[in-house]
Amino acid sequence: MKTKLLLTIAFVLGLSYHHWAQQASIATNQDPKYPYVEVIVTQEKVWLMPDEQPVTNVPVQVTDASGEVVLQKVFCSETKEWSLDVSALPSGKYKILIGATQTEYLEKQGKRRVL
């Protein structure tokens, strides 16, 4: 239900939704100490929704095209908002590493100019 609500909000606000699910690789390479996390990626935020609760210490890193960590955070059951603010990142391609094996992608686009 949370996923449908967030997808609807993202659609209504006209945000770009970029999500490349890698179900096959996650199913075979899933680390038992980290749950699978549903991810919604927009130009402003990355929302994370774990399949299981409670969750203890799920590390998330965002790396740029050169592999440098540009953003990182550790999430747990006590975390109030499971999201990362990516609005300040410059245009480019980014990799979102969740736990030990889950990978998602973000492609930031330049700001659109209004005439």
PDB file of N, CA and C in Angstrom:
ATOM      1  N   MET A   1       0.824  -1.188   0.000  1.00  0.00           N
ATOM      2  CA  MET A   1       0.000   0.000   0.000  1.00  0.00           C
ATOM      3  C   MET A   1       0.873   1.259   0.000  1.00  0.00           C
ATOM      4  N   LYS A   2       1.974   1.251   0.782  1.00  0.00           N
ATOM      5  CA  LYS A   2       2.871   2.395   0.810  1.00  0.00           C
ATOM      6  C   LYS A   2       3.459   2.653  -0.573  1.00  0.00           C
ATOM      7  N   THR A   3       3.813   1.575  -1.278  1.00  0.00           N
ATOM      8  CA  THR A   3       4.418   1.715  -2.592  1.00  0.00           C
ATOM      9  C   THR A   3       3.450   2.395  -3.558  1.00  0.00           C
ATOM     10  N   LYS A   4       2.201   1.951  -3.573  1.00  0.00           N
ATOM     11  CA  LYS A   4       1.212   2.544  -4.475  1.00  0.00           C
ATOM     12  C   LYS A   4       0.985   4.012  -4.149  1.00  0.00           C
ATOM     13  N   LEU A   5       0.937   4.343  -2.870  1.00  0.00           N
ATOM     14  CA  LEU A   5       0.723   5.723  -2.459  1.00  0.00           C
ATOM     15  C   LEU A   5       1.877   6.610  -2.918  1.00  0.00           C
ATOM     16  N   LEU A   6       3.116   6.172  -2.688  1.00  0.00           N
ATOM     17  CA  LEU A   6       4.269   6.977  -3.087  1.00  0.00           C
ATOM     18  C   LEU A   6       4.369   7.097  -4.601  1.00  0.00           C
ATOM     19  N   LEU A   7       4.063   6.019  -5.326  1.00  0.00           N
ATOM     20  CA  LEU A   7       4.079   6.095  -6.782  1.00  0.00           C
ATOM     21  C   LEU A   7       3.029   7.077  -7.288  1.00  0.00           C
ATOM     22  N   THR A   8       1.868   7.065  -6.674  1.00  0.00           N
ATOM     23  CA  THR A   8       0.807   7.998  -7.067  1.00  0.00           C
ATOM     24  C   THR A   8       1.224   9.435  -6.800  1.00  0.00           C
ATOM     25  N   ILE A   9       1.819   9.678  -5.642  1.00  0.00           N
ATOM     26  CA  ILE A   9       2.292  11.027  -5.308  1.00  0.00           C
ATOM     27  C   ILE A   9       3.340  11.481  -6.311  1.00  0.00           C
ATOM     28  N   ALA A  10       4.299  10.607  -6.628  1.00  0.00           N
ATOM     29  CA  ALA A  10       5.355  10.947  -7.584  1.00  0.00           C
ATOM     30  C   ALA A  10       4.751  11.270  -8.950  1.00  0.00           C
ATOM     31  N   PHE A  11       3.766  10.501  -9.382  1.00  0.00           N
ATOM     32  CA  PHE A  11       3.118  10.728 -10.669  1.00  0.00           C
ATOM     33  C   PHE A  11       2.351  12.046 -10.667  1.00  0.00           C
ATOM     34  N   VAL A  12       1.585  12.282  -9.616  1.00  0.00           N
ATOM     35  CA  VAL A  12       0.764  13.496  -9.539  1.00  0.00           C
ATOM     36  C   VAL A  12       1.652  14.739  -9.540  1.00  0.00           C
ATOM     37  N   LEU A  13       2.751  14.701  -8.855  1.00  0.00           N
ATOM     38  CA  LEU A  13       3.636  15.863  -8.788  1.00  0.00           C
ATOM     39  C   LEU A  13       4.477  16.027 -10.048  1.00  0.00           C
ATOM     40  N   GLY A  14       4.394  15.060 -10.947  1.00  0.00           N
ATOM     41  CA  GLY A  14       5.130  15.156 -12.199  1.00  0.00           C
ATOM     42  C   GLY A  14       6.609  14.896 -12.049  1.00  0.00           C
ATOM     43  N   LEU A  15       6.999  14.181 -11.010  1.00  0.00           N
ATOM     44  CA  LEU A  15       8.408  13.888 -10.793  1.00  0.00           C
ATOM     45  C   LEU A  15       8.843  12.751 -11.698  1.00  0.00           C
ATOM     46  N   SER A  16      10.072  12.785 -12.098  1.00  0.00           N
ATOM     47  CA  SER A  16      10.609  11.708 -12.922  1.00  0.00           C
ATOM     48  C   SER A  16      10.839  10.481 -12.065  1.00  0.00           C
ATOM     49  N   TYR A  17      10.389   9.364 -12.566  1.00  0.00           N
ATOM     50  CA  TYR A  17      10.545   8.113 -11.826  1.00  0.00           C
ATOM     51  C   TYR A  17      11.533   7.225 -12.576  1.00  0.00           C
ATOM     52  N   HIS A  18      12.675   6.980 -11.959  1.00  0.00           N
ATOM     53  CA  HIS A  18      13.693   6.126 -12.555  1.00  0.00           C
ATOM     54  C   HIS A  18      13.970   4.983 -11.601  1.00  0.00           C
ATOM     55  N   HIS A  19      13.617   3.806 -12.023  1.00  0.00           N
ATOM     56  CA  HIS A  19      13.821   2.654 -11.144  1.00  0.00           C
ATOM     57  C   HIS A  19      14.123   1.431 -11.996  1.00  0.00           C
ATOM     58  N   TRP A  20      15.295   0.903 -11.825  1.00  0.00           N
ATOM     59  CA  TRP A  20      15.670  -0.306 -12.536  1.00  0.00           C
ATOM     60  C   TRP A  20      15.749  -1.423 -11.519  1.00  0.00           C
ATOM     61  N   ALA A  21      14.709  -2.263 -11.476  1.00  0.00           N
ATOM     62  CA  ALA A  21      14.687  -3.360 -10.517  1.00  0.00           C
ATOM     63  C   ALA A  21      15.563  -4.487 -11.040  1.00  0.00           C
ATOM     64  N   GLN A  22      16.299  -5.068 -10.157  1.00  0.00           N
ATOM     65  CA  GLN A  22      17.166  -6.177 -10.515  1.00  0.00           C
ATOM     66  C   GLN A  22      16.759  -7.396  -9.699  1.00  0.00           C
ATOM     67  N   GLN A  23      15.510  -7.801  -9.853  1.00  0.00           N
ATOM     68  CA  GLN A  23      14.944  -8.877  -9.051  1.00  0.00           C
ATOM     69  C   GLN A  23      15.743 -10.172  -9.163  1.00  0.00           C
ATOM     70  N   ALA A  24      16.163 -10.549 -10.358  1.00  0.00           N
ATOM     71  CA  ALA A  24      16.835 -11.833 -10.531  1.00  0.00           C
ATOM     72  C   ALA A  24      18.156 -11.880  -9.766  1.00  0.00           C
ATOM     73  N   SER A  25      18.954 -10.821  -9.897  1.00  0.00           N
ATOM     74  CA  SER A  25      20.235 -10.825  -9.199  1.00  0.00           C
ATOM     75  C   SER A  25      20.065 -10.684  -7.697  1.00  0.00           C
ATOM     76  N   ILE A  26      19.050  -9.939  -7.268  1.00  0.00           N
ATOM     77  CA  ILE A  26      18.805  -9.780  -5.836  1.00  0.00           C
ATOM     78  C   ILE A  26      18.370 -11.097  -5.228  1.00  0.00           C
ATOM     79  N   ALA A  27      17.510 -11.825  -5.924  1.00  0.00           N
ATOM     80  CA  ALA A  27      17.005 -13.100  -5.400  1.00  0.00           C
ATOM     81  C   ALA A  27      18.128 -14.101  -5.201  1.00  0.00           C
ATOM     82  N   THR A  28      19.114 -14.096  -6.084  1.00  0.00           N
ATOM     83  CA  THR A  28      20.193 -15.072  -5.966  1.00  0.00           C
ATOM     84  C   THR A  28      21.329 -14.585  -5.083  1.00  0.00           C
ATOM     85  N   ASN A  29      21.500 -13.272  -4.952  1.00  0.00           N
ATOM     86  CA  ASN A  29      22.637 -12.728  -4.201  1.00  0.00           C
ATOM     87  C   ASN A  29      22.241 -12.046  -2.900  1.00  0.00           C
ATOM     88  N   GLN A  30      21.004 -12.186  -2.464  1.00  0.00           N
ATOM     89  CA  GLN A  30      20.530 -11.473  -1.278  1.00  0.00           C
ATOM     90  C   GLN A  30      21.313 -11.876  -0.034  1.00  0.00           C
ATOM     91  N   ASP A  31      21.811 -10.896   0.684  1.00  0.00           N
ATOM     92  CA  ASP A  31      22.505 -11.115   1.943  1.00  0.00           C
ATOM     93  C   ASP A  31      21.444 -11.287   3.020  1.00  0.00           C
ATOM     94  N   PRO A  32      21.478 -12.402   3.782  1.00  0.00           N
ATOM     95  CA  PRO A  32      20.419 -12.650   4.761  1.00  0.00           C
ATOM     96  C   PRO A  32      20.316 -11.606   5.872  1.00  0.00           C
ATOM     97  N   LYS A  33      21.379 -10.834   6.140  1.00  0.00           N
ATOM     98  CA  LYS A  33      21.270  -9.859   7.225  1.00  0.00           C
ATOM     99  C   LYS A  33      20.660  -8.532   6.773  1.00  0.00           C
ATOM    100  N   TYR A  34      20.439  -8.342   5.455  1.00  0.00           N
ATOM    101  CA  TYR A  34      19.790  -7.137   4.955  1.00  0.00           C
ATOM    102  C   TYR A  34      18.514  -7.532   4.214  1.00  0.00           C
ATOM    103  N   PRO A  35      17.382  -6.893   4.524  1.00  0.00           N
ATOM    104  CA  PRO A  35      16.138  -7.206   3.812  1.00  0.00           C
ATOM    105  C   PRO A  35      16.150  -6.574   2.422  1.00  0.00           C
ATOM    106  N   TYR A  36      15.293  -7.086   1.523  1.00  0.00           N
ATOM    107  CA  TYR A  36      15.116  -6.415   0.234  1.00  0.00           C
ATOM    108  C   TYR A  36      14.401  -5.094   0.507  1.00  0.00           C
ATOM    109  N   VAL A  37      14.810  -4.043  -0.162  1.00  0.00           N
ATOM    110  CA  VAL A  37      14.234  -2.713   0.032  1.00  0.00           C
ATOM    111  C   VAL A  37      13.654  -2.234  -1.292  1.00  0.00           C
ATOM    112  N   GLU A  38      12.366  -1.912  -1.286  1.00  0.00           N
ATOM    113  CA  GLU A  38      11.732  -1.311  -2.463  1.00  0.00           C
ATOM    114  C   GLU A  38      12.228   0.125  -2.543  1.00  0.00           C
ATOM    115  N   VAL A  39      12.587   0.572  -3.746  1.00  0.00           N
ATOM    116  CA  VAL A  39      13.186   1.891  -3.910  1.00  0.00           C
ATOM    117  C   VAL A  39      12.410   2.691  -4.949  1.00  0.00           C
ATOM    118  N   ILE A  40      12.100   3.942  -4.616  1.00  0.00           N
ATOM    119  CA  ILE A  40      11.494   4.874  -5.558  1.00  0.00           C
ATOM    120  C   ILE A  40      12.476   6.030  -5.707  1.00  0.00           C
ATOM    121  N   VAL A  41      12.895   6.263  -6.942  1.00  0.00           N
ATOM    122  CA  VAL A  41      13.916   7.265  -7.229  1.00  0.00           C
ATOM    123  C   VAL A  41      13.292   8.405  -8.031  1.00  0.00           C
ATOM    124  N   THR A  42      13.442   9.627  -7.530  1.00  0.00           N
ATOM    125  CA  THR A  42      13.017  10.822  -8.263  1.00  0.00           C
ATOM    126  C   THR A  42      14.213  11.763  -8.351  1.00  0.00           C
ATOM    127  N   GLN A  43      14.039  12.880  -9.010  1.00  0.00           N
ATOM    128  CA  GLN A  43      15.119  13.853  -9.139  1.00  0.00           C
ATOM    129  C   GLN A  43      15.437  14.551  -7.819  1.00  0.00           C
ATOM    130  N   GLU A  44      14.507  14.536  -6.873  1.00  0.00           N
ATOM    131  CA  GLU A  44      14.686  15.233  -5.603  1.00  0.00           C
ATOM    132  C   GLU A  44      14.984  14.315  -4.424  1.00  0.00           C
ATOM    133  N   LYS A  45      14.368  13.115  -4.409  1.00  0.00           N
ATOM    134  CA  LYS A  45      14.508  12.197  -3.276  1.00  0.00           C
ATOM    135  C   LYS A  45      14.583  10.753  -3.723  1.00  0.00           C
ATOM    136  N   VAL A  46      15.171   9.949  -2.860  1.00  0.00           N
ATOM    137  CA  VAL A  46      15.165   8.490  -3.017  1.00  0.00           C
ATOM    138  C   VAL A  46      14.461   7.946  -1.789  1.00  0.00           C
ATOM    139  N   TRP A  47      13.303   7.297  -2.000  1.00  0.00           N
ATOM    140  CA  TRP A  47      12.556   6.701  -0.904  1.00  0.00           C
ATOM    141  C   TRP A  47      12.879   5.229  -0.812  1.00  0.00           C
ATOM    142  N   LEU A  48      13.037   4.734   0.414  1.00  0.00           N
ATOM    143  CA  LEU A  48      13.345   3.327   0.664  1.00  0.00           C
ATOM    144  C   LEU A  48      12.249   2.717   1.522  1.00  0.00           C
ATOM    145  N   MET A  49      11.774   1.542   1.130  1.00  0.00           N
ATOM    146  CA  MET A  49      10.722   0.855   1.874  1.00  0.00           C
ATOM    147  C   MET A  49      11.105  -0.612   2.032  1.00  0.00           C
ATOM    148  N   PRO A  50      11.585  -0.996   3.211  1.00  0.00           N
ATOM    149  CA  PRO A  50      11.991  -2.387   3.420  1.00  0.00           C
ATOM    150  C   PRO A  50      10.782  -3.318   3.451  1.00  0.00           C
ATOM    151  N   ASP A  51      10.982  -4.552   2.952  1.00  0.00           N
ATOM    152  CA  ASP A  51       9.922  -5.554   2.969  1.00  0.00           C
ATOM    153  C   ASP A  51       9.659  -6.089   4.366  1.00  0.00           C
ATOM    154  N   GLU A  52      10.676  -6.051   5.203  1.00  0.00           N
ATOM    155  CA  GLU A  52      10.558  -6.645   6.534  1.00  0.00           C
ATOM    156  C   GLU A  52      10.724  -5.579   7.606  1.00  0.00           C
ATOM    157  N   GLN A  53      10.061  -5.787   8.722  1.00  0.00           N
ATOM    158  CA  GLN A  53      10.263  -4.961   9.913  1.00  0.00           C
ATOM    159  C   GLN A  53      10.423  -5.915  11.089  1.00  0.00           C
ATOM    160  N   PRO A  54      11.178  -5.712  12.082  1.00  0.00           N
ATOM    161  CA  PRO A  54      12.081  -4.585  12.267  1.00  0.00           C
ATOM    162  C   PRO A  54      13.339  -4.725  11.408  1.00  0.00           C
ATOM    163  N   VAL A  55      13.981  -3.601  11.180  1.00  0.00           N
ATOM    164  CA  VAL A  55      15.191  -3.560  10.371  1.00  0.00           C
ATOM    165  C   VAL A  55      16.306  -2.977  11.219  1.00  0.00           C
ATOM    166  N   THR A  56      17.452  -3.616  11.193  1.00  0.00           N
ATOM    167  CA  THR A  56      18.597  -3.099  11.942  1.00  0.00           C
ATOM    168  C   THR A  56      19.736  -2.758  10.993  1.00  0.00           C
ATOM    169  N   ASN A  57      20.156  -1.521  11.041  1.00  0.00           N
ATOM    170  CA  ASN A  57      21.345  -1.037  10.350  1.00  0.00           C
ATOM    171  C   ASN A  57      21.491  -1.475   8.894  1.00  0.00           C
ATOM    172  N   VAL A  58      20.739  -0.827   8.020  1.00  0.00           N
ATOM    173  CA  VAL A  58      20.874  -1.038   6.581  1.00  0.00           C
ATOM    174  C   VAL A  58      21.654   0.154   6.019  1.00  0.00           C
ATOM    175  N   PRO A  59      22.925  -0.067   5.635  1.00  0.00           N
ATOM    176  CA  PRO A  59      23.715   1.040   5.101  1.00  0.00           C
ATOM    177  C   PRO A  59      23.342   1.332   3.652  1.00  0.00           C
ATOM    178  N   VAL A  60      23.286   2.625   3.309  1.00  0.00           N
ATOM    179  CA  VAL A  60      22.988   3.049   1.941  1.00  0.00           C
ATOM    180  C   VAL A  60      24.055   4.057   1.532  1.00  0.00           C
ATOM    181  N   GLN A  61      24.643   3.838   0.357  1.00  0.00           N
ATOM    182  CA  GLN A  61      25.638   4.760  -0.183  1.00  0.00           C
ATOM    183  C   GLN A  61      25.239   5.156  -1.591  1.00  0.00           C
ATOM    184  N   VAL A  62      25.448   6.415  -1.916  1.00  0.00           N
ATOM    185  CA  VAL A  62      25.258   6.899  -3.278  1.00  0.00           C
ATOM    186  C   VAL A  62      26.640   7.248  -3.802  1.00  0.00           C
ATOM    187  N   THR A  63      27.013   6.641  -4.933  1.00  0.00           N
ATOM    188  CA  THR A  63      28.324   6.901  -5.524  1.00  0.00           C
ATOM    189  C   THR A  63      28.141   7.534  -6.898  1.00  0.00           C
ATOM    190  N   ASP A  64      29.096   8.380  -7.274  1.00  0.00           N
ATOM    191  CA  ASP A  64      29.032   9.007  -8.595  1.00  0.00           C
ATOM    192  C   ASP A  64      29.658   8.089  -9.638  1.00  0.00           C
ATOM    193  N   ALA A  65      29.779   8.564 -10.874  1.00  0.00           N
ATOM    194  CA  ALA A  65      30.287   7.745 -11.982  1.00  0.00           C
ATOM    195  C   ALA A  65      31.721   7.277 -11.757  1.00  0.00           C
ATOM    196  N   SER A  66      32.495   8.020 -10.974  1.00  0.00           N
ATOM    197  CA  SER A  66      33.882   7.626 -10.713  1.00  0.00           C
ATOM    198  C   SER A  66      33.997   6.679  -9.516  1.00  0.00           C
ATOM    199  N   GLY A  67      32.890   6.392  -8.846  1.00  0.00           N
ATOM    200  CA  GLY A  67      32.900   5.481  -7.703  1.00  0.00           C
ATOM    201  C   GLY A  67      33.072   6.166  -6.358  1.00  0.00           C
ATOM    202  N   GLU A  68      33.157   7.484  -6.353  1.00  0.00           N
ATOM    203  CA  GLU A  68      33.315   8.233  -5.100  1.00  0.00           C
ATOM    204  C   GLU A  68      31.980   8.322  -4.361  1.00  0.00           C
ATOM    205  N   VAL A  69      32.000   8.063  -3.059  1.00  0.00           N
ATOM    206  CA  VAL A  69      30.794   8.145  -2.240  1.00  0.00           C
ATOM    207  C   VAL A  69      30.433   9.620  -2.056  1.00  0.00           C
ATOM    208  N   VAL A  70      29.208  10.000  -2.512  1.00  0.00           N
ATOM    209  CA  VAL A  70      28.771  11.389  -2.409  1.00  0.00           C
ATOM    210  C   VAL A  70      27.691  11.575  -1.351  1.00  0.00           C
ATOM    211  N   LEU A  71      27.093  10.472  -0.900  1.00  0.00           N
ATOM    212  CA  LEU A  71      26.036  10.537   0.103  1.00  0.00           C
ATOM    213  C   LEU A  71      25.947   9.170   0.764  1.00  0.00           C
ATOM    214  N   GLN A  72      25.795   9.145   2.090  1.00  0.00           N
ATOM    215  CA  GLN A  72      25.618   7.870   2.770  1.00  0.00           C
ATOM    216  C   GLN A  72      24.805   8.046   4.039  1.00  0.00           C
ATOM    217  N   LYS A  73      24.090   6.980   4.404  1.00  0.00           N
ATOM    218  CA  LYS A  73      23.240   7.012   5.579  1.00  0.00           C
ATOM    219  C   LYS A  73      22.971   5.576   6.001  1.00  0.00           C
ATOM    220  N   VAL A  74      22.775   5.359   7.297  1.00  0.00           N
ATOM    221  CA  VAL A  74      22.408   4.038   7.813  1.00  0.00           C
ATOM    222  C   VAL A  74      20.975   4.131   8.329  1.00  0.00           C
ATOM    223  N   PHE A  75      20.118   3.232   7.836  1.00  0.00           N
ATOM    224  CA  PHE A  75      18.711   3.211   8.226  1.00  0.00           C
ATOM    225  C   PHE A  75      18.452   2.057   9.191  1.00  0.00           C
ATOM    226  N   CYS A  76      17.489   2.238  10.099  1.00  0.00           N
ATOM    227  CA  CYS A  76      17.066   1.182  11.015  1.00  0.00           C
ATOM    228  C   CYS A  76      15.587   1.401  11.332  1.00  0.00           C
ATOM    229  N   SER A  77      15.014   0.521  12.117  1.00  0.00           N
ATOM    230  CA  SER A  77      13.581   0.608  12.440  1.00  0.00           C
ATOM    231  C   SER A  77      13.209   1.936  13.086  1.00  0.00           C
ATOM    232  N   GLU A  78      14.126   2.536  13.826  1.00  0.00           N
ATOM    233  CA  GLU A  78      13.835   3.789  14.512  1.00  0.00           C
ATOM    234  C   GLU A  78      13.904   5.002  13.593  1.00  0.00           C
ATOM    235  N   THR A  79      14.416   4.842  12.381  1.00  0.00           N
ATOM    236  CA  THR A  79      14.516   5.953  11.441  1.00  0.00           C
ATOM    237  C   THR A  79      13.118   6.423  11.068  1.00  0.00           C
ATOM    238  N   LYS A  80      12.858   7.720  11.239  1.00  0.00           N
ATOM    239  CA  LYS A  80      11.518   8.255  10.982  1.00  0.00           C
ATOM    240  C   LYS A  80      11.219   8.364   9.490  1.00  0.00           C
ATOM    241  N   GLU A  81      12.141   8.884   8.728  1.00  0.00           N
ATOM    242  CA  GLU A  81      11.913   9.052   7.292  1.00  0.00           C
ATOM    243  C   GLU A  81      12.961   8.269   6.514  1.00  0.00           C
ATOM    244  N   TRP A  82      12.507   7.265   5.789  1.00  0.00           N
ATOM    245  CA  TRP A  82      13.405   6.420   5.005  1.00  0.00           C
ATOM    246  C   TRP A  82      13.583   7.040   3.621  1.00  0.00           C
ATOM    247  N   SER A  83      14.321   8.142   3.569  1.00  0.00           N
ATOM    248  CA  SER A  83      14.583   8.780   2.283  1.00  0.00           C
ATOM    249  C   SER A  83      15.932   9.484   2.321  1.00  0.00           C
ATOM    250  N   LEU A  84      16.456   9.718   1.129  1.00  0.00           N
ATOM    251  CA  LEU A  84      17.683  10.482   0.961  1.00  0.00           C
ATOM    252  C   LEU A  84      17.352  11.692   0.094  1.00  0.00           C
ATOM    253  N   ASP A  85      17.817  12.856   0.491  1.00  0.00           N
ATOM    254  CA  ASP A  85      17.619  14.064  -0.302  1.00  0.00           C
ATOM    255  C   ASP A  85      18.765  14.148  -1.315  1.00  0.00           C
ATOM    256  N   VAL A  86      18.439  13.963  -2.590  1.00  0.00           N
ATOM    257  CA  VAL A  86      19.450  13.997  -3.643  1.00  0.00           C
ATOM    258  C   VAL A  86      19.325  15.258  -4.497  1.00  0.00           C
ATOM    259  N   SER A  87      18.523  16.217  -4.051  1.00  0.00           N
ATOM    260  CA  SER A  87      18.273  17.424  -4.838  1.00  0.00           C
ATOM    261  C   SER A  87      19.532  18.260  -5.063  1.00  0.00           C
ATOM    262  N   ALA A  88      20.497  18.209  -4.153  1.00  0.00           N
ATOM    263  CA  ALA A  88      21.702  19.026  -4.281  1.00  0.00           C
ATOM    264  C   ALA A  88      22.773  18.382  -5.168  1.00  0.00           C
ATOM    265  N   LEU A  89      22.577  17.130  -5.560  1.00  0.00           N
ATOM    266  CA  LEU A  89      23.576  16.469  -6.402  1.00  0.00           C
ATOM    267  C   LEU A  89      23.556  17.067  -7.810  1.00  0.00           C
ATOM    268  N   PRO A  90      24.741  17.240  -8.417  1.00  0.00           N
ATOM    269  CA  PRO A  90      24.769  17.763  -9.788  1.00  0.00           C
ATOM    270  C   PRO A  90      24.283  16.712 -10.789  1.00  0.00           C
ATOM    271  N   SER A  91      24.008  17.148 -12.018  1.00  0.00           N
ATOM    272  CA  SER A  91      23.581  16.232 -13.072  1.00  0.00           C
ATOM    273  C   SER A  91      24.620  15.129 -13.249  1.00  0.00           C
ATOM    274  N   GLY A  92      24.133  13.928 -13.544  1.00  0.00           N
ATOM    275  CA  GLY A  92      25.039  12.812 -13.761  1.00  0.00           C
ATOM    276  C   GLY A  92      24.390  11.493 -13.408  1.00  0.00           C
ATOM    277  N   LYS A  93      25.173  10.420 -13.530  1.00  0.00           N
ATOM    278  CA  LYS A  93      24.690   9.082 -13.222  1.00  0.00           C
ATOM    279  C   LYS A  93      25.251   8.645 -11.877  1.00  0.00           C
ATOM    280  N   TYR A  94      24.375   8.056 -11.058  1.00  0.00           N
ATOM    281  CA  TYR A  94      24.745   7.641  -9.721  1.00  0.00           C
ATOM    282  C   TYR A  94      24.297   6.207  -9.469  1.00  0.00           C
ATOM    283  N   LYS A  95      25.032   5.531  -8.597  1.00  0.00           N
ATOM    284  CA  LYS A  95      24.689   4.181  -8.180  1.00  0.00           C
ATOM    285  C   LYS A  95      24.296   4.243  -6.709  1.00  0.00           C
ATOM    286  N   ILE A  96      23.192   3.582  -6.371  1.00  0.00           N
ATOM    287  CA  ILE A  96      22.710   3.549  -4.994  1.00  0.00           C
ATOM    288  C   ILE A  96      22.940   2.128  -4.481  1.00  0.00           C
ATOM    289  N   LEU A  97      23.835   1.984  -3.516  1.00  0.00           N
ATOM    290  CA  LEU A  97      24.171   0.679  -2.941  1.00  0.00           C
ATOM    291  C   LEU A  97      23.429   0.520  -1.630  1.00  0.00           C
ATOM    292  N   ILE A  98      22.587  -0.525  -1.550  1.00  0.00           N
ATOM    293  CA  ILE A  98      21.764  -0.767  -0.364  1.00  0.00           C
ATOM    294  C   ILE A  98      22.197  -2.084   0.254  1.00  0.00           C
ATOM    295  N   GLY A  99      22.642  -2.035   1.507  1.00  0.00           N
ATOM    296  CA  GLY A  99      23.139  -3.249   2.137  1.00  0.00           C
ATOM    297  C   GLY A  99      24.386  -3.733   1.420  1.00  0.00           C
ATOM    298  N   ALA A 100      24.521  -5.057   1.316  1.00  0.00           N
ATOM    299  CA  ALA A 100      25.720  -5.624   0.706  1.00  0.00           C
ATOM    300  C   ALA A 100      25.546  -5.978  -0.764  1.00  0.00           C
ATOM    301  N   THR A 101      24.297  -6.186  -1.218  1.00  0.00           N
ATOM    302  CA  THR A 101      24.121  -6.715  -2.573  1.00  0.00           C
ATOM    303  C   THR A 101      23.139  -5.970  -3.461  1.00  0.00           C
ATOM    304  N   GLN A 102      22.267  -5.148  -2.925  1.00  0.00           N
ATOM    305  CA  GLN A 102      21.236  -4.499  -3.742  1.00  0.00           C
ATOM    306  C   GLN A 102      21.772  -3.203  -4.338  1.00  0.00           C
ATOM    307  N   THR A 103      21.561  -3.032  -5.646  1.00  0.00           N
ATOM    308  CA  THR A 103      22.019  -1.845  -6.356  1.00  0.00           C
ATOM    309  C   THR A 103      20.874  -1.251  -7.164  1.00  0.00           C
ATOM    310  N   GLU A 104      20.699   0.057  -7.068  1.00  0.00           N
ATOM    311  CA  GLU A 104      19.717   0.800  -7.857  1.00  0.00           C
ATOM    312  C   GLU A 104      20.477   1.941  -8.531  1.00  0.00           C
ATOM    313  N   TYR A 105      19.810   2.628  -9.455  1.00  0.00           N
ATOM    314  CA  TYR A 105      20.488   3.676 -10.215  1.00  0.00           C
ATOM    315  C   TYR A 105      19.669   4.960 -10.244  1.00  0.00           C
ATOM    316  N   LEU A 106      20.379   6.075 -10.341  1.00  0.00           N
ATOM    317  CA  LEU A 106      19.774   7.400 -10.422  1.00  0.00           C
ATOM    318  C   LEU A 106      20.488   8.162 -11.527  1.00  0.00           C
ATOM    319  N   GLU A 107      19.731   8.772 -12.409  1.00  0.00           N
ATOM    320  CA  GLU A 107      20.314   9.658 -13.413  1.00  0.00           C
ATOM    321  C   GLU A 107      19.728  11.044 -13.204  1.00  0.00           C
ATOM    322  N   LYS A 108      20.538  11.927 -12.637  1.00  0.00           N
ATOM    323  CA  LYS A 108      20.109  13.301 -12.377  1.00  0.00           C
ATOM    324  C   LYS A 108      20.192  14.094 -13.671  1.00  0.00           C
ATOM    325  N   GLN A 109      19.144  14.845 -13.943  1.00  0.00           N
ATOM    326  CA  GLN A 109      19.093  15.682 -15.135  1.00  0.00           C
ATOM    327  C   GLN A 109      19.244  17.130 -14.714  1.00  0.00           C
ATOM    328  N   GLY A 110      19.701  17.937 -15.630  1.00  0.00           N
ATOM    329  CA  GLY A 110      19.882  19.361 -15.345  1.00  0.00           C
ATOM    330  C   GLY A 110      18.557  20.039 -15.080  1.00  0.00           C
ATOM    331  N   LYS A 111      18.612  21.171 -14.431  1.00  0.00           N
ATOM    332  CA  LYS A 111      17.396  21.951 -14.140  1.00  0.00           C
ATOM    333  C   LYS A 111      16.781  22.447 -15.436  1.00  0.00           C
ATOM    334  N   ARG A 112      15.464  22.387 -15.504  1.00  0.00           N
ATOM    335  CA  ARG A 112      14.759  22.877 -16.681  1.00  0.00           C
ATOM    336  C   ARG A 112      14.492  24.366 -16.517  1.00  0.00           C
ATOM    337  N   ARG A 113      14.729  25.074 -17.580  1.00  0.00           N
ATOM    338  CA  ARG A 113      14.509  26.517 -17.542  1.00  0.00           C
ATOM    339  C   ARG A 113      13.108  26.840 -18.024  1.00  0.00           C
ATOM    340  N   VAL A 114      12.485  27.773 -17.354  1.00  0.00           N
ATOM    341  CA  VAL A 114      11.145  28.221 -17.737  1.00  0.00           C
ATOM    342  C   VAL A 114      11.273  29.543 -18.473  1.00  0.00           C
ATOM    343  N   LEU A 115      10.656  29.604 -19.627  1.00  0.00           N
ATOM    344  CA  LEU A 115      10.723  30.864 -20.418  1.00  0.00           C
ATOM    345  C   LEU A 115       9.653  31.816 -20.000  1.00  0.00           C
TER     346      LEU A 115
END
